[in-house]
């Protein structure tokens, strides 16, 4: 019977810690949700800033001479002399 009493003490301690975790877990989840929401807002702001910078760069840099629709990927590069 003494072994059963020790086992019950171990189980009661385990249930005590599980109860504490059960009560704390929702607060942890809501804290993480708030941080994720703030991160999403910051990423959206960064994306807006990058879009405005790309628009400014597109306005400031003229297209390459010869073709109005040329992009750096489609423009032929000069080859090095052999």
Protein backbone atom coordinates (compact mmCIF):
# COMPACT_ATOMS: atom_id res chain seq x y z
CA UNK A 1 0.00 0.00 0.00
CA UNK A 2 2.90 2.37 0.61
CA UNK A 3 3.87 2.16 -3.06
CA UNK A 4 0.35 3.14 -4.12
CA UNK A 5 0.49 6.21 -1.83
CA UNK A 6 3.77 7.37 -3.40
CA UNK A 7 2.32 6.89 -6.87
CA UNK A 8 -0.74 8.93 -5.93
CA UNK A 9 1.51 11.71 -4.63
CA UNK A 10 3.43 11.72 -7.93
CA UNK A 11 0.20 11.80 -9.95
CA UNK A 12 -1.22 14.63 -7.83
CA UNK A 13 1.95 16.70 -8.33
CA UNK A 14 1.75 16.04 -12.07
CA UNK A 15 -1.91 17.11 -12.19
CA UNK A 16 -1.06 20.22 -10.17
CA UNK A 17 1.56 21.30 -12.74
CA UNK A 18 -0.80 20.48 -15.61
CA UNK A 19 -3.51 22.62 -14.01
CA UNK A 20 -1.09 25.55 -13.71
CA UNK A 21 -0.10 25.17 -17.36
CA UNK A 22 -3.77 24.87 -18.36
CA UNK A 23 -4.58 28.21 -16.72
CA UNK A 24 -1.49 30.06 -18.02
CA UNK A 25 -1.55 28.79 -21.61
CA UNK A 26 -4.36 31.03 -22.94
CA UNK A 27 -2.52 34.14 -21.77
CA UNK A 28 0.64 32.97 -23.49
CA UNK A 29 -1.25 32.29 -26.72
CA UNK A 30 -2.89 35.74 -26.70
CA UNK A 31 0.49 37.38 -26.02
CA UNK A 32 2.01 35.58 -28.98
CA UNK A 33 -0.98 36.53 -31.15
CA UNK A 34 -0.45 40.19 -30.29
CA UNK A 35 3.22 40.00 -31.22
CA UNK A 36 2.39 38.28 -34.52
CA UNK A 37 -0.21 40.95 -35.32
CA UNK A 38 2.34 43.71 -34.65
CA UNK A 39 4.88 41.92 -36.85
CA UNK A 40 2.37 41.70 -39.69
CA UNK A 41 1.64 45.43 -39.40
CA UNK A 42 5.36 46.23 -39.48
CA UNK A 43 5.89 44.01 -42.51
CA UNK A 44 3.02 45.73 -44.33
CA UNK A 45 4.56 49.13 -43.54
CA UNK A 46 7.95 47.95 -44.83
CA UNK A 47 6.28 46.64 -48.00
CA UNK A 48 4.58 50.01 -48.56
CA UNK A 49 7.90 51.81 -48.11
CA UNK A 50 9.66 49.48 -50.53
CA UNK A 51 6.91 49.97 -53.10
CA UNK A 52 7.24 53.76 -52.83
CA UNK A 53 11.02 53.52 -53.16
CA UNK A 54 10.68 51.32 -56.25
CA UNK A 55 8.23 53.81 -57.76
CA UNK A 56 10.62 56.69 -57.10
CA UNK A 57 13.52 54.77 -58.62
CA UNK A 58 11.46 53.90 -61.67
CA UNK A 59 10.57 57.57 -62.13
CA UNK A 60 14.13 58.81 -61.67
CA UNK A 61 15.99 56.32 -63.83
CA UNK A 62 15.44 56.77 -67.57
CA UNK A 63 15.06 53.68 -69.75
CA UNK A 64 18.19 52.54 -71.61
CA UNK A 65 18.87 54.29 -74.90
CA UNK A 66 17.46 52.61 -77.97
CA UNK A 67 14.48 50.83 -76.44
CA UNK A 68 11.73 52.28 -74.29
CA UNK A 69 10.61 48.90 -72.96
CA UNK A 70 14.08 47.57 -72.18
CA UNK A 71 14.82 46.18 -68.76
CA UNK A 72 18.21 45.20 -67.34
CA UNK A 73 17.39 41.54 -67.98
CA UNK A 74 16.60 42.09 -71.68
CA UNK A 75 19.35 44.56 -72.51
CA UNK A 76 22.39 43.09 -74.23
CA UNK A 77 25.61 43.60 -72.31
CA UNK A 78 28.85 44.65 -73.85
CA UNK A 79 31.28 41.81 -74.24
CA UNK A 80 34.84 42.19 -73.09
CA UNK A 81 37.47 42.54 -75.85
CA UNK A 82 39.23 39.32 -76.66
